[in-house]
Amino acid sequence: MATLHKSSTWGAFNVPQTPTQEIALQTPRVARRLSRGERMIYVAGCSQLTVVDMRKTISRPDSEDAYVKSLAGDGTVPHLLRILER
């Protein structure tokens, strides 16, 4: 998972490092708050072609073939991400 938080992983997509670092920091913080019983509001669209997974045999994450797409999302975020582990 740590590899996904490095901008160099994304090659031609030119993903800046700052947002990926922020995601890496915020994910555990949100999970801790929810484990204490705090709530989170989830607002999203639906039925838009969305990347929902990465293929298991990723040799090039900057390739379109590295991803699984589905209508189970809002076009940017898959609905599966609304479920946070406690």
Protein backbone atom coordinates (compact mmCIF):
# COMPACT_ATOMS: atom_id res chain seq x y z
CA MET A 1 0.00 0.00 0.00
CA ALA A 2 2.84 2.42 0.74
CA THR A 3 3.87 2.27 -2.93
CA LEU A 4 0.51 3.76 -3.89
CA HIS A 5 1.35 6.86 -1.82
CA LYS A 6 4.46 7.67 -3.89
CA SER A 7 3.94 10.01 -6.83
CA SER A 8 6.64 8.17 -8.80
CA THR A 9 4.37 5.09 -8.89
CA TRP A 10 1.92 6.89 -11.16
CA GLY A 11 4.35 7.77 -13.95
CA ALA A 12 2.70 9.70 -16.78
CA PHE A 13 -0.34 10.61 -14.62
CA ASN A 14 1.84 13.29 -12.92
CA VAL A 15 0.27 12.80 -9.49
CA PRO A 16 1.75 15.41 -7.11
CA GLN A 17 3.38 14.05 -3.95
CA THR A 18 1.61 16.36 -1.46
CA PRO A 19 -1.94 14.93 -1.89
CA THR A 20 -0.69 11.34 -1.73
CA GLN A 21 1.20 12.11 1.50
CA GLU A 22 -1.91 13.74 2.95
CA ILE A 23 -4.03 10.67 2.13
CA ALA A 24 -1.46 8.42 3.79
CA LEU A 25 -1.65 10.58 6.95
CA GLN A 26 -5.43 11.06 7.08
CA THR A 27 -6.60 7.47 6.54
CA PRO A 28 -5.47 6.19 9.98
CA ARG A 29 -6.71 9.39 11.67
CA VAL A 30 -10.22 8.98 10.25
CA ALA A 31 -10.28 5.29 11.21
CA ARG A 32 -9.28 6.12 14.81
CA ARG A 33 -12.02 8.74 15.13
CA LEU A 34 -14.65 6.34 13.83
CA SER A 35 -13.46 3.60 16.19
CA ARG A 36 -14.31 5.99 19.06
CA GLY A 37 -17.88 6.20 17.82
CA GLU A 38 -17.64 9.47 15.91
CA ARG A 39 -19.69 9.75 12.76
CA MET A 40 -18.91 10.68 9.19
CA ILE A 41 -21.25 11.93 6.47
CA TYR A 42 -20.87 10.35 3.05
CA VAL A 43 -22.28 12.19 0.02
CA ALA A 44 -21.71 10.78 -3.46
CA GLY A 45 -23.16 10.48 -6.91
CA CYS A 46 -23.83 7.10 -8.50
CA SER A 47 -23.82 5.00 -11.66
CA GLN A 48 -20.79 6.65 -13.24
CA LEU A 49 -17.91 4.65 -14.71
CA THR A 50 -15.37 4.62 -11.87
CA VAL A 51 -12.07 2.89 -11.19
CA VAL A 52 -12.92 0.43 -8.39
CA ASP A 53 -9.85 -1.80 -8.15
CA MET A 54 -6.34 -2.46 -9.41
CA ARG A 55 -5.47 -5.68 -11.17
CA LYS A 56 -3.38 -8.08 -9.09
CA THR A 57 -0.56 -8.29 -11.62
CA ILE A 58 0.38 -4.65 -11.91
CA SER A 59 3.57 -4.05 -13.80
CA ARG A 60 2.65 -0.51 -14.86
CA PRO A 61 0.21 1.36 -12.60
CA ASP A 62 0.32 4.26 -15.06
CA SER A 63 -1.34 2.04 -17.68
CA GLU A 64 -5.11 2.11 -18.30
CA ASP A 65 -5.06 -1.74 -18.25
CA ALA A 66 -3.99 -1.76 -14.58
CA TYR A 67 -7.51 -0.85 -13.41
CA VAL A 68 -10.93 -2.44 -13.04
CA LYS A 69 -13.84 -0.10 -13.78
CA SER A 70 -17.46 -0.34 -12.68
CA LEU A 71 -20.63 1.75 -12.34
CA ALA A 72 -20.38 1.33 -8.55
CA GLY A 73 -19.16 4.86 -7.98
CA ASP A 74 -19.58 8.54 -8.75
CA GLY A 75 -16.95 8.75 -11.48
CA THR A 76 -14.11 9.65 -9.13
CA VAL A 77 -14.54 7.57 -5.96
CA PRO A 78 -15.78 3.96 -5.72
CA HIS A 79 -18.62 3.41 -3.26
CA LEU A 80 -16.58 0.65 -1.60
CA LEU A 81 -14.43 3.39 -0.01
CA ARG A 82 -17.36 4.53 2.11
CA ILE A 83 -16.74 1.48 4.31
CA LEU A 84 -13.97 2.16 6.81
CA GLU A 85 -12.43 -0.52 8.97
CA ARG A 86 -12.79 -0.12 12.71
